[in-house]
Structures are given as structure tokens and as C-alpha cells.
């Protein structure tokens, strides 16, 4: 499960492509996406609280904790639930530590696959976000944009549909703050109907984050599984 979640956290800030859609309220999907990418390219670092929920065959699971990002492509997810789990990337290697199994998934993010033009993942970076918007069609989910979702903010809501059904998340829904153009929540559905939702709160852009935060410290007893997300072959 945690390895699968790791791929979602990468995809969430990483891969899509525009399709023609009519403008609504002086906005169009392409205008919103352009502002999302511009906004993210200006961000040097941030920290935030995250909540991940999964729904599969009427079974629900919940994970939460604190995450950190630093340009270019460095991420850390410290899990409070389940306590001790970690997802860490220095932009070149991704480590996914599952405490209860005593196992670490170690994924090389620089691998090239056939028929691709670059690394398999570009973690939470402007390039990765561009990739997201090349791999999916996107459009507004309704004509009313932006709109209230039950809190004080208003959101643009984008529906994403995977261009080529090659596995993973076939559909995604992004909730974009209409003032900051930050993606506050993403809902992803795979081909088997499993739904994964990740949301962010308490986002802090002023916290000073040292590079050492993104170093993964291996437990001496942990079992390493190399390239669990995709291999070089």
C-alpha cells in the first residue's frame, strides 16, 4: 500500500496536456493550469500537514502527517499515522519506509523507459507538473467556476482523464484555490475503482528547510526492495 501511495505522491505533483474547452466566468481550464504551473515554479520550499484517505471495496484507510518540499524535486513525508513511516526523495532517489514491515522501497527516479523523453518521475517539480498536464486531458468539472466547497475559499475544480490507459490513476480531480492557485486537494481513481484522496492544510512558505531534511537514514535491519515502482527493463 505505501509503495502505491508513494507513486501517487509523485504523480500528484508530476504529469498532463491541454484539451480545448470553453471559457467560463472569464476563465478557461488552460488559463487555470497556466497559473498553477507559474505559481509552483515560483515556490522555493514549503511545509504542510497532509491527510491521505483510500477507499477500496468499501474499506477505508487513513494516513496523516507532515510534508516538506524544496526545489528542485526534494520531498519528505513524515507519517504520524501510521507512526514512523516515511517517504523521502532527494530528487534522484525515492525511499519508501514501511515501519511495520521493516522494509524500504528504493526507487531510482532517473531511469529512462522506452518511448519516453526523460526520467520516469520528476518529483514535485515544475517539470513534473508540466508532465502531469501532458499525460491527462483536463477540463472543468462543471460550468460554475470557481465555486465554494463548504469553506471560506473558492476553488477551480479540474477533471483529469488519462490519455493512454496504461495503468495507475485513470482519473483525477484537482481542487485549486482560486486566489493562490495552489492545489489544495487531489482525488485519484485507478482502473479497479480504488479512490485515493490527498489534501493539504497549514501550508507554510516561510519555514527554513535544510537540505539534510531530504536525506534518508537507513535502519540497519531494514530490508531493501530496489525499484518497486518500475524497473529499468
Protein backbone atom coordinates (compact mmCIF):
# COMPACT_ATOMS: atom_id res chain seq x y z
CA UNK A 1 0.00 0.00 0.00
CA UNK A 2 2.67 2.55 0.98
CA UNK A 3 4.64 1.92 -2.21
CA UNK A 4 1.46 2.61 -4.19
CA UNK A 5 0.86 5.77 -2.14
CA UNK A 6 4.42 6.81 -2.89
CA UNK A 7 3.70 6.74 -6.61
CA UNK A 8 0.58 8.86 -6.01
CA UNK A 9 2.54 11.50 -4.14
CA UNK A 10 4.91 11.70 -7.09
CA UNK A 11 2.16 11.75 -9.70
CA UNK A 12 0.23 14.39 -7.73
CA UNK A 13 2.98 16.94 -8.31
CA UNK A 14 4.19 15.45 -11.53
CA UNK A 15 2.40 14.68 -15.12
CA UNK A 16 -0.82 16.05 -18.00
CA UNK A 17 -1.77 18.01 -21.52
CA UNK A 18 -4.42 20.52 -22.54
CA UNK A 19 -7.62 19.95 -24.41
CA UNK A 20 -9.85 22.63 -25.89
CA UNK A 21 -12.66 23.69 -23.58
CA UNK A 22 -14.94 26.74 -23.49
CA UNK A 23 -14.16 29.55 -21.07
CA UNK A 24 -16.44 30.12 -18.08
CA UNK A 25 -16.61 33.29 -15.95
CA UNK A 26 -13.67 34.73 -17.89
CA UNK A 27 -11.56 31.70 -17.07
CA UNK A 28 -10.67 28.63 -19.08
CA UNK A 29 -9.04 25.37 -17.92
CA UNK A 30 -5.87 26.23 -19.80
CA UNK A 31 -5.67 29.62 -18.07
CA UNK A 32 -6.01 27.98 -14.67
CA UNK A 33 -3.37 25.35 -15.46
CA UNK A 34 -1.00 28.04 -16.72
CA UNK A 35 -1.35 29.90 -13.42
CA UNK A 36 -0.90 26.68 -11.40
CA UNK A 37 2.39 25.98 -13.18
CA UNK A 38 3.58 29.58 -12.90
CA UNK A 39 2.75 29.67 -9.20
CA UNK A 40 4.56 26.41 -8.47
CA UNK A 41 7.64 27.45 -10.44
CA UNK A 42 7.98 30.44 -8.10
CA UNK A 43 7.92 28.31 -4.92
CA UNK A 44 11.30 27.53 -3.36
CA UNK A 45 10.09 25.49 -0.40
CA UNK A 46 7.13 24.78 1.87
CA UNK A 47 5.89 22.59 4.67
CA UNK A 48 2.32 21.42 5.20
CA UNK A 49 0.12 18.94 7.02
CA UNK A 50 -1.27 16.19 4.80
CA UNK A 51 -4.15 13.74 5.03
CA UNK A 52 -4.45 10.71 2.74
CA UNK A 53 -7.61 8.63 2.54
CA UNK A 54 -8.11 5.46 0.50
CA UNK A 55 -11.37 3.72 -0.32
CA UNK A 56 -11.29 0.20 -1.76
CA UNK A 57 -14.21 -2.25 -1.78
CA UNK A 58 -16.00 -0.22 0.92
CA UNK A 59 -12.91 -0.35 3.14
CA UNK A 60 -11.42 2.95 4.21
CA UNK A 61 -7.93 3.74 5.45
CA UNK A 62 -6.47 7.00 6.63
CA UNK A 63 -2.90 8.30 6.84
CA UNK A 64 -1.66 11.67 8.06
CA UNK A 65 1.48 13.58 8.88
CA UNK A 66 3.69 16.48 7.81
CA UNK A 67 5.38 17.00 4.46
CA UNK A 68 8.25 19.15 3.22
CA UNK A 69 9.23 20.32 -0.26
CA UNK A 70 12.32 22.10 -1.53
CA UNK A 71 13.26 22.93 -5.07
CA UNK A 72 14.36 21.09 -7.15
CA UNK A 73 12.23 18.00 -6.53
CA UNK A 74 13.03 17.23 -2.90
CA UNK A 75 10.21 15.84 -0.76
CA UNK A 76 9.73 14.29 2.66
CA UNK A 77 6.52 12.83 4.12
CA UNK A 78 6.74 12.01 7.83
CA UNK A 79 3.77 9.89 8.85
CA UNK A 80 2.19 10.26 12.28
CA UNK A 81 -0.41 7.68 11.22
CA UNK A 82 0.92 5.04 10.71
CA UNK A 83 3.64 6.32 13.02
CA UNK A 84 7.22 6.06 11.81
CA UNK A 85 6.58 5.54 8.10
CA UNK A 86 8.46 7.82 5.71
CA UNK A 87 8.55 8.80 2.05
CA UNK A 88 11.73 10.70 1.20
CA UNK A 89 13.30 11.87 -2.05
CA UNK A 90 16.37 13.97 -2.77
CA UNK A 91 15.14 14.39 -6.35
CA UNK A 92 17.16 11.44 -7.67
CA UNK A 93 16.23 8.54 -5.39
CA UNK A 94 12.93 7.84 -3.66
CA UNK A 95 12.82 5.89 -0.39
CA UNK A 96 9.56 4.50 0.98
CA UNK A 97 9.95 3.12 4.52
CA UNK A 98 7.20 0.91 5.96
CA UNK A 99 7.97 0.54 9.65
CA UNK A 100 5.71 -2.40 10.47
CA UNK A 101 7.33 -4.47 7.70
CA UNK A 102 10.85 -3.26 8.35
CA UNK A 103 11.14 -2.70 4.60
CA UNK A 104 12.37 0.09 2.34
CA UNK A 105 11.39 0.58 -1.28
CA UNK A 106 14.30 2.29 -3.04
CA UNK A 107 13.33 3.74 -6.43
CA UNK A 108 15.77 5.27 -8.89
CA UNK A 109 13.96 8.31 -10.28
CA UNK A 110 16.46 8.84 -13.10
CA UNK A 111 15.62 5.65 -15.01
CA UNK A 112 14.51 6.14 -18.61
CA UNK A 113 11.85 3.90 -20.09
CA UNK A 114 11.37 3.21 -23.79
CA UNK A 115 9.14 5.68 -25.63
CA UNK A 116 9.69 8.39 -23.03
CA UNK A 117 11.67 11.57 -23.28
CA UNK A 118 13.07 11.72 -19.79
CA UNK A 119 13.22 10.27 -16.30
CA UNK A 120 10.32 8.10 -15.18
CA UNK A 121 9.49 10.53 -12.38
CA UNK A 122 10.32 14.16 -11.76
CA UNK A 123 9.24 14.62 -8.18
CA UNK A 124 7.02 17.56 -7.32
CA UNK A 125 8.79 19.99 -9.62
CA UNK A 126 7.74 22.46 -12.31
CA UNK A 127 8.90 19.94 -14.93
CA UNK A 128 6.90 17.25 -13.18
CA UNK A 129 3.78 19.40 -13.14
CA UNK A 130 4.19 20.02 -16.86
CA UNK A 131 4.44 16.27 -17.35
CA UNK A 132 1.19 15.77 -15.45
CA UNK A 133 -0.60 18.12 -17.78
CA UNK A 134 0.77 16.25 -20.80
CA UNK A 135 -0.40 12.82 -19.68
CA UNK A 136 -4.03 13.71 -18.99
CA UNK A 137 -6.85 15.52 -20.73
CA UNK A 138 -8.31 18.14 -18.42
CA UNK A 139 -11.46 20.26 -18.21
CA UNK A 140 -13.65 21.99 -15.64
CA UNK A 141 -15.97 19.54 -13.89
CA UNK A 142 -18.95 21.95 -14.15
CA UNK A 143 -19.71 25.34 -15.70
CA UNK A 144 -19.71 27.08 -12.30
CA UNK A 145 -16.06 28.04 -11.76
CA UNK A 146 -14.73 28.90 -9.25
CA UNK A 147 -17.14 27.82 -6.52
CA UNK A 148 -17.37 27.30 -2.78
CA UNK A 149 -16.71 23.80 -1.45
CA UNK A 150 -18.06 24.35 2.05
CA UNK A 151 -15.34 26.57 3.49
CA UNK A 152 -14.48 30.25 3.00
CA UNK A 153 -12.33 29.68 -0.09
CA UNK A 154 -13.45 29.17 -3.67
CA UNK A 155 -11.95 26.54 -5.94
CA UNK A 156 -11.49 25.75 -9.59
CA UNK A 157 -12.23 22.04 -9.97
CA UNK A 158 -10.48 20.22 -12.79
CA UNK A 159 -11.35 16.74 -14.05
CA UNK A 160 -8.35 14.83 -15.44
CA UNK A 161 -8.64 11.80 -17.70
CA UNK A 162 -5.59 9.68 -18.55
CA UNK A 163 -4.79 9.99 -22.25
CA UNK A 164 -3.49 6.43 -22.57
CA UNK A 165 -4.93 3.80 -20.24
CA UNK A 166 -1.62 2.31 -19.17
CA UNK A 167 -2.48 1.58 -15.54
CA UNK A 168 -2.15 3.67 -12.43
CA UNK A 169 -4.58 6.51 -11.94
CA UNK A 170 -7.02 6.73 -14.84
CA UNK A 171 -8.92 9.72 -13.47
CA UNK A 172 -8.05 12.58 -11.14
CA UNK A 173 -9.88 15.60 -9.76
CA UNK A 174 -7.91 18.65 -8.63
CA UNK A 175 -9.23 21.34 -6.30
CA UNK A 176 -7.35 24.60 -6.98
CA UNK A 177 -7.59 27.62 -4.68
CA UNK A 178 -8.95 30.44 -6.86
CA UNK A 179 -6.74 33.10 -5.21
CA UNK A 180 -3.40 31.35 -4.66
CA UNK A 181 -3.74 28.75 -7.46
CA UNK A 182 -2.41 26.13 -5.07
CA UNK A 183 -3.74 22.59 -5.46
CA UNK A 184 -5.27 22.01 -2.03
CA UNK A 185 -6.73 18.56 -2.73
CA UNK A 186 -6.48 15.79 -5.30
CA UNK A 187 -8.73 12.75 -5.77
CA UNK A 188 -7.38 9.89 -7.91
CA UNK A 189 -9.16 6.75 -9.14
CA UNK A 190 -7.49 3.71 -10.63
CA UNK A 191 -8.93 1.20 -13.11
CA UNK A 192 -10.21 -1.06 -10.32
CA UNK A 193 -12.19 1.70 -8.66
CA UNK A 194 -9.82 2.37 -5.74
CA UNK A 195 -10.04 6.02 -4.73
CA UNK A 196 -7.18 7.90 -3.09
CA UNK A 197 -7.61 11.44 -1.76
CA UNK A 198 -4.80 13.68 -0.54
CA UNK A 199 -5.39 17.09 0.98
CA UNK A 200 -3.05 19.73 2.39
CA UNK A 201 -3.51 22.26 5.19
CA UNK A 202 -1.40 24.67 7.27
CA UNK A 203 0.84 25.39 4.28
CA UNK A 204 3.92 27.39 5.33
CA UNK A 205 6.19 29.02 2.75
CA UNK A 206 8.40 30.86 5.25
CA UNK A 207 9.81 27.87 7.16
CA UNK A 208 13.53 27.43 6.54
CA UNK A 209 14.14 23.87 5.39
CA UNK A 210 17.67 22.49 5.35
CA UNK A 211 18.83 20.12 2.58
CA UNK A 212 19.59 17.48 5.20
CA UNK A 213 15.86 17.04 5.79
CA UNK A 214 15.71 15.14 2.49
CA UNK A 215 18.39 12.61 3.37
CA UNK A 216 17.05 9.16 4.14
CA UNK A 217 18.70 7.37 7.05
CA UNK A 218 18.51 3.60 6.60
CA UNK A 219 17.78 1.34 9.53
CA UNK A 220 20.39 -1.40 9.83
CA UNK A 221 17.71 -4.09 9.97
CA UNK A 222 15.55 -2.83 7.11
CA UNK A 223 15.07 -4.98 4.02
CA UNK A 224 15.63 -3.08 0.77
CA UNK A 225 13.46 -3.62 -2.31
CA UNK A 226 15.00 -1.94 -5.34
CA UNK A 227 12.82 -0.14 -7.91
CA UNK A 228 9.40 -1.29 -6.65
CA UNK A 229 7.53 1.25 -8.81
CA UNK A 230 9.18 0.49 -12.12
CA UNK A 231 12.34 -1.31 -13.16
CA UNK A 232 14.89 -0.41 -15.80
CA UNK A 233 13.64 -3.18 -18.08
